[in-house]
C-alpha atoms as a PDB file:
ATOM      1  CA  MET A   1      -0.099   0.015  -0.059  1.00  0.00           C
ATOM      2  CA  GLU A   2       2.889   2.321   0.670  1.00  0.00           C
ATOM      3  CA  LYS A   3       4.528   1.401  -2.592  1.00  0.00           C
ATOM      4  CA  VAL A   4       2.935   3.678  -5.270  1.00  0.00           C
ATOM      5  CA  GLY A   5       3.938   4.014  -8.893  1.00  0.00           C
ATOM      6  CA  PRO A   6       6.092   6.996  -9.818  1.00  0.00           C
ATOM      7  CA  GLY A   7       4.164  10.335 -10.445  1.00  0.00           C
ATOM      8  CA  LEU A   8       1.283   9.018  -8.221  1.00  0.00           C
ATOM      9  CA  THR A   9       0.471  11.079  -5.251  1.00  0.00           C
ATOM     10  CA  GLY A  10      -1.305   9.560  -2.168  1.00  0.00           C
ATOM     11  CA  GLU A  11      -4.740  11.194  -2.957  1.00  0.00           C
ATOM     12  CA  PRO A  12      -5.941   9.394  -6.121  1.00  0.00           C
ATOM     13  CA  THR A  13      -4.516   6.272  -4.735  1.00  0.00           C
ATOM     14  CA  PHE A  14      -6.320   6.466  -1.389  1.00  0.00           C
ATOM     15  CA  SER A  15      -9.567   7.461  -3.112  1.00  0.00           C
ATOM     16  CA  MET A  16      -9.170   4.348  -5.403  1.00  0.00           C
ATOM     17  CA  ILE A  17      -8.335   2.097  -2.420  1.00  0.00           C
ATOM     18  CA  ASN A  18     -11.353   3.675  -0.512  1.00  0.00           C
ATOM     19  CA  SER A  19     -13.847   2.974  -3.149  1.00  0.00           C
ATOM     20  CA  VAL A  20     -12.501  -0.539  -3.626  1.00  0.00           C
ATOM     21  CA  GLY A  21     -12.384  -1.019  -0.021  1.00  0.00           C
ATOM     22  CA  ALA A  22     -16.089   0.179   0.341  1.00  0.00           C
ATOM     23  CA  TRP A  23     -17.099  -2.332  -2.453  1.00  0.00           C
ATOM     24  CA  VAL A  24     -15.230  -5.247  -0.869  1.00  0.00           C
ATOM     25  CA  VAL A  25     -16.861  -4.460   2.533  1.00  0.00           C
ATOM     26  CA  SER A  26     -20.391  -4.254   1.077  1.00  0.00           C
ATOM     27  CA  HIS A  27     -19.720  -7.485  -0.925  1.00  0.00           C
ATOM     28  CA  PHE A  28     -18.277  -9.226   2.231  1.00  0.00           C
ATOM     29  CA  LYS A  29     -21.495  -8.134   4.184  1.00  0.00           C
ATOM     30  CA  ARG A  30     -23.644  -9.654   1.653  1.00  0.00           C
ATOM     31  CA  VAL A  31     -21.727 -12.957   1.625  1.00  0.00           C
ATOM     32  CA  LEU A  32     -21.866 -12.994   5.327  1.00  0.00           C
ATOM     33  CA  LEU A  33     -25.635 -12.385   5.356  1.00  0.00           C
ATOM     34  CA  ILE A  34     -26.130 -15.349   2.941  1.00  0.00           C
ATOM     35  CA  MET A  35     -24.042 -17.515   5.021  1.00  0.00           C
END
C-alpha cells in the first residue's frame, strides 16, 4: 500500500483504495448475510 507508482500522489491512490475497500466491505457483508 505504501509502494505507489512514480508520479502517483497519495490522494488518487487513497480514493481508489477507498472505493475498492467500500465495495469489498459491502460484498463481504452480503456474503456473510447469505451464509
